Amino acid sequence: MSLPKRATIYFDAEIHRALRLKAAATDRSVSDMVNDAVKIALSEDAEDIASFDEREREKSVNSETVVRSLKRRGKI
């Protein structure tokens, strides 16, 4: 594991207070909580990118075509 890097982050005062209270209640540091939240966000981004990659070759259909098809088939 690499050594931690230092960064300065500015939080809204109410968010910072909530973080400090949660950190105290869960016996964790604010830094650990922020690191975990960022890891989750990056993981979600990676999942989104994978989904886009999987669907890259799918045929694109515009909304007008879909609406016309629905109307033609009596669905709307």
N, C-alpha and C. Protein backbone atom coordinates (compact mmCIF):
# COMPACT_ATOMS: atom_id res chain seq x y z
N MET A 1 0.84 -1.18 0.00
CA MET A 1 0.00 0.00 0.00
C MET A 1 0.89 1.24 0.00
N SER A 2 0.52 2.24 -0.80
CA SER A 2 1.33 3.45 -0.88
C SER A 2 1.06 4.36 0.31
N LEU A 3 1.98 5.26 0.51
CA LEU A 3 1.82 6.22 1.62
C LEU A 3 0.69 7.19 1.32
N PRO A 4 -0.06 7.56 2.34
CA PRO A 4 -1.16 8.51 2.12
C PRO A 4 -0.63 9.86 1.64
N LYS A 5 -1.42 10.53 0.83
CA LYS A 5 -1.10 11.88 0.34
C LYS A 5 -2.02 12.87 1.04
N ARG A 6 -1.52 14.04 1.26
CA ARG A 6 -2.28 15.07 1.96
C ARG A 6 -2.98 15.96 0.93
N ALA A 7 -4.23 16.32 1.23
CA ALA A 7 -4.99 17.24 0.39
C ALA A 7 -5.82 18.15 1.29
N THR A 8 -6.06 19.33 0.83
CA THR A 8 -6.92 20.25 1.57
C THR A 8 -8.28 20.25 0.90
N ILE A 9 -9.32 19.98 1.69
CA ILE A 9 -10.69 19.95 1.20
C ILE A 9 -11.51 20.92 2.03
N TYR A 10 -12.30 21.73 1.37
CA TYR A 10 -13.15 22.68 2.07
C TYR A 10 -14.59 22.17 2.03
N PHE A 11 -15.15 21.95 3.22
CA PHE A 11 -16.52 21.49 3.35
C PHE A 11 -17.42 22.62 3.78
N ASP A 12 -18.68 22.55 3.39
CA ASP A 12 -19.70 23.42 3.96
C ASP A 12 -19.67 23.18 5.47
N ALA A 13 -19.88 24.21 6.27
CA ALA A 13 -19.76 24.10 7.72
C ALA A 13 -20.68 23.01 8.29
N GLU A 14 -21.90 22.92 7.78
CA GLU A 14 -22.84 21.91 8.30
C GLU A 14 -22.40 20.50 7.92
N ILE A 15 -21.85 20.34 6.73
CA ILE A 15 -21.35 19.04 6.30
C ILE A 15 -20.16 18.63 7.17
N HIS A 16 -19.28 19.58 7.43
CA HIS A 16 -18.11 19.30 8.26
C HIS A 16 -18.53 18.89 9.67
N ARG A 17 -19.50 19.58 10.21
CA ARG A 17 -20.00 19.23 11.55
C ARG A 17 -20.59 17.82 11.56
N ALA A 18 -21.38 17.50 10.53
CA ALA A 18 -21.97 16.17 10.45
C ALA A 18 -20.88 15.11 10.33
N LEU A 19 -19.86 15.37 9.53
CA LEU A 19 -18.75 14.43 9.39
C LEU A 19 -18.03 14.21 10.72
N ARG A 20 -17.76 15.29 11.42
CA ARG A 20 -17.08 15.16 12.71
C ARG A 20 -17.92 14.37 13.71
N LEU A 21 -19.23 14.64 13.75
CA LEU A 21 -20.10 13.92 14.67
C LEU A 21 -20.17 12.44 14.32
N LYS A 22 -20.29 12.14 13.03
CA LYS A 22 -20.34 10.74 12.62
C LYS A 22 -19.01 10.05 12.89
N ALA A 23 -17.91 10.74 12.66
CA ALA A 23 -16.59 10.18 12.93
C ALA A 23 -16.46 9.83 14.41
N ALA A 24 -16.90 10.72 15.26
CA ALA A 24 -16.82 10.47 16.70
C ALA A 24 -17.73 9.31 17.10
N ALA A 25 -18.92 9.26 16.52
CA ALA A 25 -19.89 8.21 16.88
C ALA A 25 -19.45 6.84 16.39
N THR A 26 -18.69 6.79 15.30
CA THR A 26 -18.28 5.50 14.72
C THR A 26 -16.83 5.17 15.01
N ASP A 27 -16.17 6.02 15.79
CA ASP A 27 -14.76 5.83 16.15
C ASP A 27 -13.88 5.70 14.91
N ARG A 28 -14.15 6.55 13.93
CA ARG A 28 -13.36 6.61 12.71
C ARG A 28 -12.89 8.04 12.51
N SER A 29 -11.90 8.22 11.66
CA SER A 29 -11.45 9.58 11.35
C SER A 29 -12.26 10.12 10.17
N VAL A 30 -12.35 11.43 10.10
CA VAL A 30 -13.00 12.08 8.96
C VAL A 30 -12.27 11.67 7.69
N SER A 31 -10.95 11.59 7.75
CA SER A 31 -10.16 11.20 6.59
C SER A 31 -10.55 9.80 6.10
N ASP A 32 -10.70 8.85 7.01
CA ASP A 32 -11.11 7.49 6.61
C ASP A 32 -12.49 7.50 5.96
N MET A 33 -13.41 8.28 6.53
CA MET A 33 -14.76 8.34 5.97
C MET A 33 -14.76 8.95 4.58
N VAL A 34 -13.99 10.02 4.40
CA VAL A 34 -13.92 10.66 3.08
C VAL A 34 -13.25 9.73 2.08
N ASN A 35 -12.18 9.05 2.48
CA ASN A 35 -11.52 8.09 1.59
C ASN A 35 -12.49 7.01 1.14
N ASP A 36 -13.27 6.46 2.08
CA ASP A 36 -14.24 5.42 1.73
C ASP A 36 -15.30 5.95 0.77
N ALA A 37 -15.78 7.17 1.02
CA ALA A 37 -16.81 7.76 0.15
C ALA A 37 -16.26 7.97 -1.27
N VAL A 38 -15.03 8.42 -1.37
CA VAL A 38 -14.42 8.64 -2.69
C VAL A 38 -14.21 7.31 -3.41
N LYS A 39 -13.79 6.29 -2.68
CA LYS A 39 -13.61 4.96 -3.28
C LYS A 39 -14.94 4.44 -3.83
N ILE A 40 -16.02 4.63 -3.08
CA ILE A 40 -17.33 4.19 -3.54
C ILE A 40 -17.73 4.94 -4.80
N ALA A 41 -17.53 6.26 -4.82
CA ALA A 41 -17.88 7.07 -5.99
C ALA A 41 -17.08 6.64 -7.21
N LEU A 42 -15.78 6.39 -7.03
CA LEU A 42 -14.94 5.96 -8.15
C LEU A 42 -15.32 4.57 -8.63
N SER A 43 -15.71 3.71 -7.71
CA SER A 43 -16.16 2.36 -8.08
C SER A 43 -17.44 2.43 -8.91
N GLU A 44 -18.36 3.31 -8.51
CA GLU A 44 -19.59 3.50 -9.28
C GLU A 44 -19.28 4.02 -10.68
N ASP A 45 -18.31 4.94 -10.77
CA ASP A 45 -17.89 5.45 -12.08
C ASP A 45 -17.33 4.32 -12.94
N ALA A 46 -16.54 3.45 -12.34
CA ALA A 46 -15.95 2.33 -13.08
C ALA A 46 -17.05 1.40 -13.59
N GLU A 47 -18.09 1.17 -12.78
CA GLU A 47 -19.21 0.34 -13.22
C GLU A 47 -19.94 0.99 -14.39
N ASP A 48 -20.14 2.31 -14.31
CA ASP A 48 -20.80 3.03 -15.41
C ASP A 48 -19.99 2.92 -16.70
N ILE A 49 -18.68 3.09 -16.60
CA ILE A 49 -17.82 3.01 -17.78
C ILE A 49 -17.90 1.61 -18.38
N ALA A 50 -17.89 0.59 -17.53
CA ALA A 50 -18.00 -0.79 -18.02
C ALA A 50 -19.33 -1.00 -18.74
N SER A 51 -20.41 -0.44 -18.20
CA SER A 51 -21.72 -0.57 -18.85
C SER A 51 -21.73 0.11 -20.21
N PHE A 52 -21.14 1.30 -20.28
CA PHE A 52 -21.06 2.00 -21.57
C PHE A 52 -20.26 1.19 -22.57
N ASP A 53 -19.15 0.62 -22.11
CA ASP A 53 -18.31 -0.20 -23.00
C ASP A 53 -19.07 -1.41 -23.52
N GLU A 54 -19.86 -2.05 -22.66
CA GLU A 54 -20.64 -3.22 -23.06
C GLU A 54 -21.69 -2.88 -24.11
N ARG A 55 -22.25 -1.66 -24.02
CA ARG A 55 -23.34 -1.27 -24.91
C ARG A 55 -22.87 -0.46 -26.11
N GLU A 56 -21.56 -0.29 -26.24
CA GLU A 56 -21.00 0.57 -27.29
C GLU A 56 -21.45 0.16 -28.70
N ARG A 57 -21.60 -1.12 -28.93
CA ARG A 57 -21.92 -1.60 -30.28
C ARG A 57 -23.42 -1.73 -30.53
N GLU A 58 -24.24 -1.42 -29.52
CA GLU A 58 -25.69 -1.50 -29.72
C GLU A 58 -26.14 -0.45 -30.71
N LYS A 59 -27.15 -0.81 -31.48
CA LYS A 59 -27.72 0.13 -32.44
C LYS A 59 -28.39 1.28 -31.69
N SER A 60 -28.17 2.47 -32.18
CA SER A 60 -28.77 3.66 -31.58
C SER A 60 -30.13 3.94 -32.23
N VAL A 61 -31.11 4.25 -31.39
CA VAL A 61 -32.45 4.57 -31.88
C VAL A 61 -32.85 5.90 -31.25
N ASN A 62 -33.28 6.85 -32.09
CA ASN A 62 -33.67 8.15 -31.53
C ASN A 62 -35.11 8.10 -31.03
N SER A 63 -35.46 9.04 -30.18
CA SER A 63 -36.77 9.04 -29.53
C SER A 63 -37.92 9.22 -30.53
N GLU A 64 -37.71 9.98 -31.58
CA GLU A 64 -38.77 10.18 -32.58
C GLU A 64 -39.16 8.86 -33.22
N THR A 65 -38.18 8.04 -33.53
CA THR A 65 -38.45 6.73 -34.14
C THR A 65 -39.26 5.86 -33.18
N VAL A 66 -38.91 5.88 -31.91
CA VAL A 66 -39.62 5.08 -30.92
C VAL A 66 -41.06 5.56 -30.79
N VAL A 67 -41.27 6.87 -30.72
CA VAL A 67 -42.62 7.42 -30.57
C VAL A 67 -43.46 7.08 -31.79
N ARG A 68 -42.91 7.23 -32.98
CA ARG A 68 -43.65 6.89 -34.20
C ARG A 68 -44.04 5.42 -34.23
N SER A 69 -43.12 4.56 -33.81
CA SER A 69 -43.38 3.13 -33.77
C SER A 69 -44.49 2.80 -32.77
N LEU A 70 -44.44 3.42 -31.61
CA LEU A 70 -45.49 3.20 -30.61
C LEU A 70 -46.85 3.65 -31.13
N LYS A 71 -46.88 4.80 -31.80
CA LYS A 71 -48.14 5.31 -32.34
C LYS A 71 -48.67 4.40 -33.45
N ARG A 72 -47.79 3.97 -34.34
CA ARG A 72 -48.17 3.09 -35.44
C ARG A 72 -48.76 1.77 -34.92
N ARG A 73 -48.22 1.28 -33.80
CA ARG A 73 -48.71 0.01 -33.25
C ARG A 73 -49.86 0.19 -32.28
N GLY A 74 -50.37 1.43 -32.16
CA GLY A 74 -51.53 1.69 -31.30
C GLY A 74 -51.23 1.67 -29.82
N LYS A 75 -49.97 1.81 -29.44
CA LYS A 75 -49.60 1.80 -28.03
C LYS A 75 -49.80 3.15 -27.37
N ILE A 76 -49.80 4.21 -28.19
CA ILE A 76 -50.06 5.56 -27.65
C ILE A 76 -51.03 6.28 -28.56
